Amino acid sequence: MDNMLVVISGPSGGGKGTIINSLLKRNSEKYLRVSTYTTRPRREGEALNEQYQFISKELFDKLDSQNKLIAKNLVDGYSYRYSTY
């Protein structure tokens, strides 16, 4: 199998980032982190566009209507989705 999608999922603070960073460090050619878009504001200490792409609700809705996003979630009133490109 040439391509396989692996989803690392869990609660906030559960270690997802640690697992993802370990996989990327081990083999950055085999693994690729997809962009996650969110409409929530950036939290203190979060690097801009490192873990999330912080976008407006209008841009989120536009990308969603163009079918450029997958795996939609609504958490605490903010939208999250993964990019297909």
N, C-alpha and C. Protein backbone atom coordinates (compact mmCIF):
# COMPACT_ATOMS: atom_id res chain seq x y z
N MET A 1 0.84 -1.16 0.00
CA MET A 1 0.00 0.00 0.00
C MET A 1 0.90 1.24 0.00
N ASP A 2 0.70 2.13 -0.98
CA ASP A 2 1.54 3.32 -1.10
C ASP A 2 1.11 4.43 -0.15
N ASN A 3 -0.17 4.65 0.00
CA ASN A 3 -0.66 5.74 0.83
C ASN A 3 -1.67 5.22 1.84
N MET A 4 -1.57 5.73 3.05
CA MET A 4 -2.51 5.34 4.08
C MET A 4 -2.76 6.56 4.97
N LEU A 5 -4.00 6.82 5.29
CA LEU A 5 -4.36 7.90 6.19
C LEU A 5 -4.35 7.37 7.61
N VAL A 6 -3.62 8.06 8.49
CA VAL A 6 -3.57 7.71 9.90
C VAL A 6 -4.11 8.90 10.67
N VAL A 7 -5.10 8.67 11.50
CA VAL A 7 -5.70 9.74 12.29
C VAL A 7 -5.30 9.54 13.75
N ILE A 8 -4.70 10.57 14.32
CA ILE A 8 -4.37 10.57 15.74
C ILE A 8 -5.42 11.44 16.42
N SER A 9 -6.24 10.83 17.26
CA SER A 9 -7.37 11.53 17.86
C SER A 9 -7.37 11.33 19.37
N GLY A 10 -7.80 12.34 20.09
CA GLY A 10 -7.88 12.23 21.53
C GLY A 10 -8.26 13.56 22.14
N PRO A 11 -8.45 13.58 23.45
CA PRO A 11 -8.85 14.82 24.12
C PRO A 11 -7.71 15.83 24.16
N SER A 12 -8.07 17.07 24.39
CA SER A 12 -7.09 18.13 24.54
C SER A 12 -6.12 17.77 25.65
N GLY A 13 -4.82 17.89 25.37
CA GLY A 13 -3.80 17.58 26.37
C GLY A 13 -3.50 16.10 26.49
N GLY A 14 -4.03 15.29 25.59
CA GLY A 14 -3.86 13.84 25.67
C GLY A 14 -2.58 13.30 25.05
N GLY A 15 -1.76 14.16 24.45
CA GLY A 15 -0.49 13.71 23.89
C GLY A 15 -0.48 13.50 22.40
N LYS A 16 -1.52 13.95 21.69
CA LYS A 16 -1.57 13.77 20.23
C LYS A 16 -0.37 14.44 19.56
N GLY A 17 -0.08 15.66 19.96
CA GLY A 17 1.04 16.40 19.36
C GLY A 17 2.36 15.71 19.59
N THR A 18 2.55 15.15 20.76
CA THR A 18 3.79 14.42 21.07
C THR A 18 3.95 13.21 20.16
N ILE A 19 2.86 12.48 19.95
CA ILE A 19 2.91 11.31 19.07
C ILE A 19 3.19 11.73 17.63
N ILE A 20 2.49 12.75 17.17
CA ILE A 20 2.67 13.23 15.79
C ILE A 20 4.09 13.72 15.58
N ASN A 21 4.61 14.52 16.51
CA ASN A 21 5.98 15.04 16.38
C ASN A 21 7.00 13.91 16.39
N SER A 22 6.76 12.87 17.17
CA SER A 22 7.66 11.72 17.20
C SER A 22 7.67 10.99 15.86
N LEU A 23 6.48 10.80 15.27
CA LEU A 23 6.41 10.15 13.96
C LEU A 23 7.10 10.98 12.89
N LEU A 24 6.88 12.30 12.91
CA LEU A 24 7.51 13.17 11.93
C LEU A 24 9.03 13.19 12.08
N LYS A 25 9.49 13.17 13.32
CA LYS A 25 10.93 13.17 13.58
C LYS A 25 11.56 11.86 13.12
N ARG A 26 10.84 10.77 13.31
CA ARG A 26 11.34 9.45 12.95
C ARG A 26 11.45 9.29 11.43
N ASN A 27 10.45 9.82 10.70
CA ASN A 27 10.47 9.65 9.25
C ASN A 27 9.61 10.72 8.60
N SER A 28 10.20 11.88 8.35
CA SER A 28 9.43 13.01 7.81
C SER A 28 9.04 12.82 6.35
N GLU A 29 9.64 11.86 5.67
CA GLU A 29 9.26 11.59 4.29
C GLU A 29 8.05 10.66 4.22
N LYS A 30 7.88 9.84 5.24
CA LYS A 30 6.78 8.88 5.25
C LYS A 30 5.49 9.51 5.81
N TYR A 31 5.65 10.42 6.76
CA TYR A 31 4.50 11.01 7.42
C TYR A 31 4.37 12.48 7.04
N LEU A 32 3.13 12.93 6.95
CA LEU A 32 2.83 14.31 6.61
C LEU A 32 1.72 14.81 7.52
N ARG A 33 1.92 15.96 8.12
CA ARG A 33 0.88 16.56 8.96
C ARG A 33 -0.04 17.37 8.06
N VAL A 34 -1.32 17.15 8.18
CA VAL A 34 -2.27 17.93 7.40
C VAL A 34 -2.61 19.22 8.14
N SER A 35 -3.01 20.21 7.40
CA SER A 35 -3.40 21.48 8.01
C SER A 35 -4.76 21.35 8.67
N THR A 36 -4.89 21.87 9.87
CA THR A 36 -6.15 21.92 10.57
C THR A 36 -6.59 23.37 10.65
N TYR A 37 -7.76 23.64 10.14
CA TYR A 37 -8.30 24.99 10.16
C TYR A 37 -9.27 25.13 11.32
N THR A 38 -9.23 26.28 11.99
CA THR A 38 -10.16 26.55 13.07
C THR A 38 -10.59 28.01 13.05
N THR A 39 -11.80 28.23 13.52
CA THR A 39 -12.32 29.59 13.63
C THR A 39 -12.11 30.16 15.02
N ARG A 40 -11.54 29.38 15.93
CA ARG A 40 -11.34 29.89 17.29
C ARG A 40 -10.13 30.82 17.33
N PRO A 41 -10.12 31.70 18.34
CA PRO A 41 -8.95 32.58 18.48
C PRO A 41 -7.73 31.80 18.94
N ARG A 42 -6.57 32.31 18.59
CA ARG A 42 -5.31 31.68 18.99
C ARG A 42 -5.14 31.85 20.50
N ARG A 43 -4.72 30.77 21.16
CA ARG A 43 -4.49 30.81 22.60
C ARG A 43 -3.08 31.30 22.90
N GLU A 44 -2.90 31.80 24.10
CA GLU A 44 -1.59 32.27 24.52
C GLU A 44 -0.58 31.13 24.41
N GLY A 45 0.55 31.42 23.81
CA GLY A 45 1.61 30.41 23.66
C GLY A 45 1.52 29.60 22.38
N GLU A 46 0.43 29.67 21.64
CA GLU A 46 0.30 28.94 20.38
C GLU A 46 1.00 29.70 19.27
N ALA A 47 1.84 29.02 18.55
CA ALA A 47 2.52 29.63 17.41
C ALA A 47 1.52 29.81 16.28
N LEU A 48 1.61 30.94 15.62
CA LEU A 48 0.69 31.24 14.53
C LEU A 48 0.87 30.24 13.40
N ASN A 49 -0.21 29.56 13.02
CA ASN A 49 -0.26 28.62 11.90
C ASN A 49 0.72 27.46 12.02
N GLU A 50 1.09 27.08 13.24
CA GLU A 50 1.94 25.91 13.44
C GLU A 50 1.09 24.65 13.57
N GLN A 51 0.22 24.62 14.57
CA GLN A 51 -0.66 23.47 14.74
C GLN A 51 -2.00 23.69 14.06
N TYR A 52 -2.46 24.92 14.06
CA TYR A 52 -3.73 25.26 13.44
C TYR A 52 -3.55 26.44 12.50
N GLN A 53 -4.39 26.47 11.47
CA GLN A 53 -4.52 27.65 10.62
C GLN A 53 -5.73 28.40 11.16
N PHE A 54 -5.51 29.56 11.73
CA PHE A 54 -6.59 30.35 12.33
C PHE A 54 -7.21 31.21 11.24
N ILE A 55 -8.48 30.93 10.93
CA ILE A 55 -9.14 31.64 9.84
C ILE A 55 -10.50 32.16 10.30
N SER A 56 -11.05 33.07 9.51
CA SER A 56 -12.36 33.63 9.83
C SER A 56 -13.46 32.60 9.54
N LYS A 57 -14.60 32.83 10.15
CA LYS A 57 -15.77 31.96 9.90
C LYS A 57 -16.17 32.05 8.43
N GLU A 58 -16.04 33.24 7.83
CA GLU A 58 -16.40 33.42 6.42
C GLU A 58 -15.50 32.59 5.51
N LEU A 59 -14.19 32.61 5.76
CA LEU A 59 -13.27 31.82 4.94
C LEU A 59 -13.49 30.33 5.17
N PHE A 60 -13.74 29.95 6.42
CA PHE A 60 -14.03 28.55 6.74
C PHE A 60 -15.23 28.06 5.94
N ASP A 61 -16.31 28.85 5.96
CA ASP A 61 -17.53 28.47 5.24
C ASP A 61 -17.29 28.41 3.74
N LYS A 62 -16.46 29.31 3.21
CA LYS A 62 -16.14 29.29 1.77
C LYS A 62 -15.37 28.03 1.40
N LEU A 63 -14.33 27.69 2.17
CA LEU A 63 -13.57 26.46 1.90
C LEU A 63 -14.45 25.23 2.03
N ASP A 64 -15.33 25.24 3.03
CA ASP A 64 -16.24 24.12 3.25
C ASP A 64 -17.19 23.97 2.07
N SER A 65 -17.73 25.07 1.56
CA SER A 65 -18.67 25.00 0.44
C SER A 65 -17.99 24.55 -0.85
N GLN A 66 -16.66 24.72 -0.93
CA GLN A 66 -15.90 24.28 -2.10
C GLN A 66 -15.37 22.85 -1.92
N ASN A 67 -15.82 22.17 -0.85
CA ASN A 67 -15.42 20.79 -0.56
C ASN A 67 -13.90 20.64 -0.43
N LYS A 68 -13.25 21.64 0.15
CA LYS A 68 -11.80 21.59 0.35
C LYS A 68 -11.44 21.19 1.78
N LEU A 69 -12.46 20.87 2.58
CA LEU A 69 -12.24 20.50 3.97
C LEU A 69 -12.94 19.19 4.28
N ILE A 70 -12.37 18.45 5.24
CA ILE A 70 -12.96 17.17 5.65
C ILE A 70 -13.00 17.10 7.18
N ALA A 71 -13.68 16.13 7.71
CA ALA A 71 -13.72 15.82 9.15
C ALA A 71 -14.10 17.01 10.00
N LYS A 72 -15.26 17.56 9.78
CA LYS A 72 -15.73 18.75 10.49
C LYS A 72 -16.08 18.44 11.94
N ASN A 73 -15.64 19.32 12.84
CA ASN A 73 -15.97 19.21 14.26
C ASN A 73 -16.38 20.57 14.77
N LEU A 74 -17.28 20.58 15.73
CA LEU A 74 -17.67 21.81 16.41
C LEU A 74 -17.34 21.61 17.88
N VAL A 75 -16.42 22.42 18.41
CA VAL A 75 -15.98 22.29 19.80
C VAL A 75 -16.10 23.65 20.47
N ASP A 76 -16.87 23.70 21.53
CA ASP A 76 -17.07 24.95 22.27
C ASP A 76 -17.49 26.10 21.37
N GLY A 77 -18.28 25.81 20.35
CA GLY A 77 -18.80 26.84 19.46
C GLY A 77 -17.86 27.23 18.34
N TYR A 78 -16.67 26.62 18.26
CA TYR A 78 -15.71 26.92 17.20
C TYR A 78 -15.62 25.75 16.24
N SER A 79 -15.46 26.07 14.95
CA SER A 79 -15.38 25.03 13.92
C SER A 79 -13.95 24.60 13.70
N TYR A 80 -13.76 23.29 13.49
CA TYR A 80 -12.46 22.71 13.16
C TYR A 80 -12.66 21.81 11.95
N ARG A 81 -11.71 21.82 11.03
CA ARG A 81 -11.73 20.92 9.90
C ARG A 81 -10.34 20.72 9.37
N TYR A 82 -10.12 19.58 8.74
CA TYR A 82 -8.82 19.26 8.16
C TYR A 82 -8.85 19.54 6.68
N SER A 83 -7.75 20.04 6.17
CA SER A 83 -7.65 20.39 4.76
C SER A 83 -7.40 19.15 3.93
N THR A 84 -7.95 19.13 2.73
CA THR A 84 -7.71 18.03 1.81
C THR A 84 -6.55 18.35 0.86
N TYR A 85 -5.93 19.48 1.03
CA TYR A 85 -4.79 19.85 0.18
C TYR A 85 -3.70 20.46 0.99
